[in-house]
Amino acid sequence: SFIGAGAMGIPMAIKLLENGHSVSMWNRTLSKCNPVKEKGAKVFSTPDAAVRDGGDIVFIMLSACKAIQAVLGNPRVVESPVSGSVPHVQKGSLLIMACARKEKTVKNLP
């Protein structure tokens, strides 16, 4: 699932779709999801619905903690710094630094 269809969320979701993954997406302005919807993503009218439909991973690509709180309340999230920008996403070379329990890790995401 993707929450946020901005400068990073759109190309990241498209890259996942291009590599055979399904994508569920929500954005405060739903029309911003159109480029991803045109490529096969499911777009939902609420963030809850997008998360329920998505898989085990939720990407929250919002501009700041205040935006996360405005959309999701006061969630427990793990911040994962992203090294790169839109050109890195398009080349499939974006680096996302995250941690999780070994049994929760996912290998070989594009």
C-alpha atoms as a PDB file:
ATOM      1  CA  SER A   1       0.000   0.000   0.000  1.00  0.00           C
ATOM      2  CA  PHE A   2       1.039   3.583  -0.638  1.00  0.00           C
ATOM      3  CA  ILE A   3      -0.160   6.554   1.362  1.00  0.00           C
ATOM      4  CA  GLY A   4       0.955   9.655  -0.504  1.00  0.00           C
ATOM      5  CA  ALA A   5       1.011  10.325  -4.236  1.00  0.00           C
ATOM      6  CA  GLY A   6       3.616  13.029  -4.435  1.00  0.00           C
ATOM      7  CA  ALA A   7       7.004  13.468  -6.047  1.00  0.00           C
ATOM      8  CA  MET A   8       8.367  10.238  -4.517  1.00  0.00           C
ATOM      9  CA  GLY A   9       5.212   8.157  -3.973  1.00  0.00           C
ATOM     10  CA  ILE A  10       4.129   8.165  -7.626  1.00  0.00           C
ATOM     11  CA  PRO A  11       7.415   6.934  -9.150  1.00  0.00           C
ATOM     12  CA  MET A  12       7.941   4.406  -6.344  1.00  0.00           C
ATOM     13  CA  ALA A  13       4.462   2.939  -6.864  1.00  0.00           C
ATOM     14  CA  ILE A  14       4.960   2.856 -10.646  1.00  0.00           C
ATOM     15  CA  LYS A  15       8.291   1.051 -10.228  1.00  0.00           C
ATOM     16  CA  LEU A  16       6.571  -1.597  -8.082  1.00  0.00           C
ATOM     17  CA  LEU A  17       3.829  -2.031 -10.691  1.00  0.00           C
ATOM     18  CA  GLU A  18       6.423  -2.339 -13.475  1.00  0.00           C
ATOM     19  CA  ASN A  19       8.038  -5.154 -11.514  1.00  0.00           C
ATOM     20  CA  GLY A  20       4.853  -7.169 -11.145  1.00  0.00           C
ATOM     21  CA  HIS A  21       3.674  -6.037  -7.714  1.00  0.00           C
ATOM     22  CA  SER A  22       0.144  -4.909  -6.945  1.00  0.00           C
ATOM     23  CA  VAL A  23      -0.296  -1.445  -5.476  1.00  0.00           C
ATOM     24  CA  SER A  24      -3.103   0.025  -3.396  1.00  0.00           C
ATOM     25  CA  MET A  25      -2.931   3.803  -3.031  1.00  0.00           C
ATOM     26  CA  TRP A  26      -4.533   6.729  -1.283  1.00  0.00           C
ATOM     27  CA  ASN A  27      -3.807  10.450  -1.330  1.00  0.00           C
ATOM     28  CA  ARG A  28      -5.638  13.406   0.189  1.00  0.00           C
ATOM     29  CA  THR A  29      -6.206  14.679  -3.351  1.00  0.00           C
ATOM     30  CA  LEU A  30      -7.350  11.498  -5.095  1.00  0.00           C
ATOM     31  CA  SER A  31      -6.743  12.858  -8.600  1.00  0.00           C
ATOM     32  CA  LYS A  32      -2.996  12.847  -7.862  1.00  0.00           C
ATOM     33  CA  CYS A  33      -3.218   9.033  -7.890  1.00  0.00           C
ATOM     34  CA  ASN A  34      -4.303   8.998 -11.560  1.00  0.00           C
ATOM     35  CA  PRO A  35      -0.838   8.291 -13.065  1.00  0.00           C
ATOM     36  CA  VAL A  36      -0.555   5.185 -10.881  1.00  0.00           C
ATOM     37  CA  LYS A  37      -4.180   4.171 -11.430  1.00  0.00           C
ATOM     38  CA  GLU A  38      -3.607   4.312 -15.201  1.00  0.00           C
ATOM     39  CA  LYS A  39      -0.790   1.769 -14.737  1.00  0.00           C
ATOM     40  CA  GLY A  40      -2.991  -0.650 -12.772  1.00  0.00           C
ATOM     41  CA  ALA A  41      -2.990   0.472  -9.139  1.00  0.00           C
ATOM     42  CA  LYS A  42      -6.131   0.349  -7.064  1.00  0.00           C
ATOM     43  CA  VAL A  43      -7.019   3.766  -5.632  1.00  0.00           C
ATOM     44  CA  PHE A  44      -9.069   4.038  -2.462  1.00  0.00           C
ATOM     45  CA  SER A  45     -11.072   6.870  -0.919  1.00  0.00           C
ATOM     46  CA  THR A  46      -9.597   6.364   2.575  1.00  0.00           C
ATOM     47  CA  PRO A  47      -6.124   5.450   3.831  1.00  0.00           C
ATOM     48  CA  ASP A  48      -7.651   2.644   5.919  1.00  0.00           C
ATOM     49  CA  ALA A  49      -9.135   0.993   2.840  1.00  0.00           C
ATOM     50  CA  ALA A  50      -5.844   1.232   0.932  1.00  0.00           C
ATOM     51  CA  VAL A  51      -3.959  -0.358   3.825  1.00  0.00           C
ATOM     52  CA  ARG A  52      -6.533  -3.141   4.284  1.00  0.00           C
ATOM     53  CA  ASP A  53      -6.333  -3.992   0.573  1.00  0.00           C
ATOM     54  CA  GLY A  54      -2.535  -3.839   0.384  1.00  0.00           C
ATOM     55  CA  GLY A  55       0.010  -6.427   1.323  1.00  0.00           C
ATOM     56  CA  ASP A  56       2.310  -6.630   4.307  1.00  0.00           C
ATOM     57  CA  ILE A  57       4.149  -3.364   3.615  1.00  0.00           C
ATOM     58  CA  VAL A  58       2.774   0.165   3.818  1.00  0.00           C
ATOM     59  CA  PHE A  59       4.832   2.966   2.282  1.00  0.00           C
ATOM     60  CA  ILE A  60       3.962   6.340   3.794  1.00  0.00           C
ATOM     61  CA  MET A  61       5.437   8.969   1.520  1.00  0.00           C
ATOM     62  CA  LEU A  62       4.229  12.192   3.084  1.00  0.00           C
ATOM     63  CA  SER A  63       6.176  15.417   3.355  1.00  0.00           C
ATOM     64  CA  ALA A  64       6.569  15.636   7.141  1.00  0.00           C
ATOM     65  CA  CYS A  65       5.556  14.186  10.491  1.00  0.00           C
ATOM     66  CA  LYS A  66       2.746  16.766  10.727  1.00  0.00           C
ATOM     67  CA  ALA A  67       1.282  15.418   7.484  1.00  0.00           C
ATOM     68  CA  ILE A  68       1.482  11.851   8.830  1.00  0.00           C
ATOM     69  CA  GLN A  69      -0.319  12.903  12.010  1.00  0.00           C
ATOM     70  CA  ALA A  70      -2.974  14.788  10.021  1.00  0.00           C
ATOM     71  CA  VAL A  71      -3.672  11.708   7.898  1.00  0.00           C
ATOM     72  CA  LEU A  72      -3.146   8.825  10.296  1.00  0.00           C
ATOM     73  CA  GLY A  73      -3.504  10.351  13.751  1.00  0.00           C
ATOM     74  CA  ASN A  74      -0.623   9.479  16.051  1.00  0.00           C
ATOM     75  CA  PRO A  75       0.569   6.159  14.630  1.00  0.00           C
ATOM     76  CA  ARG A  76       3.490   4.037  15.680  1.00  0.00           C
ATOM     77  CA  VAL A  77       5.662   4.119  12.607  1.00  0.00           C
ATOM     78  CA  VAL A  78       9.234   3.249  11.884  1.00  0.00           C
ATOM     79  CA  GLU A  79      10.959   6.066  10.085  1.00  0.00           C
ATOM     80  CA  SER A  80      13.037   4.810   7.219  1.00  0.00           C
ATOM     81  CA  PRO A  81      15.366   7.355   5.681  1.00  0.00           C
ATOM     82  CA  VAL A  82      15.387   7.372   1.899  1.00  0.00           C
ATOM     83  CA  SER A  83      18.621   8.048   0.053  1.00  0.00           C
ATOM     84  CA  GLY A  84      17.948   9.311  -3.441  1.00  0.00           C
ATOM     85  CA  SER A  85      15.309  11.160  -5.377  1.00  0.00           C
ATOM     86  CA  VAL A  86      12.997  10.696  -8.353  1.00  0.00           C
ATOM     87  CA  PRO A  87      15.788   9.753 -10.839  1.00  0.00           C
ATOM     88  CA  HIS A  88      16.967   7.048  -8.414  1.00  0.00           C
ATOM     89  CA  VAL A  89      13.428   5.678  -8.159  1.00  0.00           C
ATOM     90  CA  GLN A  90      13.089   5.601 -11.937  1.00  0.00           C
ATOM     91  CA  LYS A  91      16.372   3.677 -12.278  1.00  0.00           C
ATOM     92  CA  GLY A  92      15.404   1.299  -9.457  1.00  0.00           C
ATOM     93  CA  SER A  93      18.361   2.374  -7.334  1.00  0.00           C
ATOM     94  CA  LEU A  94      16.634   4.131  -4.426  1.00  0.00           C
ATOM     95  CA  LEU A  95      18.040   3.117  -1.062  1.00  0.00           C
ATOM     96  CA  ILE A  96      15.543   2.745   1.792  1.00  0.00           C
ATOM     97  CA  MET A  97      17.114   2.161   5.190  1.00  0.00           C
ATOM     98  CA  ALA A  98      14.798   0.235   7.475  1.00  0.00           C
ATOM     99  CA  CYS A  99      14.905  -2.352  10.185  1.00  0.00           C
ATOM    100  CA  ALA A 100      12.603  -5.152  11.222  1.00  0.00           C
ATOM    101  CA  ARG A 101      12.617  -8.523  12.882  1.00  0.00           C
ATOM    102  CA  LYS A 102      14.243 -11.134  10.677  1.00  0.00           C
ATOM    103  CA  GLU A 103      10.954 -12.963  10.098  1.00  0.00           C
ATOM    104  CA  LYS A 104       9.369  -9.719   8.855  1.00  0.00           C
ATOM    105  CA  THR A 105      11.990  -8.765   6.290  1.00  0.00           C
ATOM    106  CA  VAL A 106      11.275  -8.798   2.583  1.00  0.00           C
ATOM    107  CA  LYS A 107      13.991  -9.615   0.084  1.00  0.00           C
ATOM    108  CA  ASN A 108      14.454  -8.411  -3.448  1.00  0.00           C
ATOM    109  CA  LEU A 109      11.930  -5.610  -3.647  1.00  0.00           C
ATOM    110  CA  PRO A 110      12.626  -3.474  -6.711  1.00  0.00           C
END
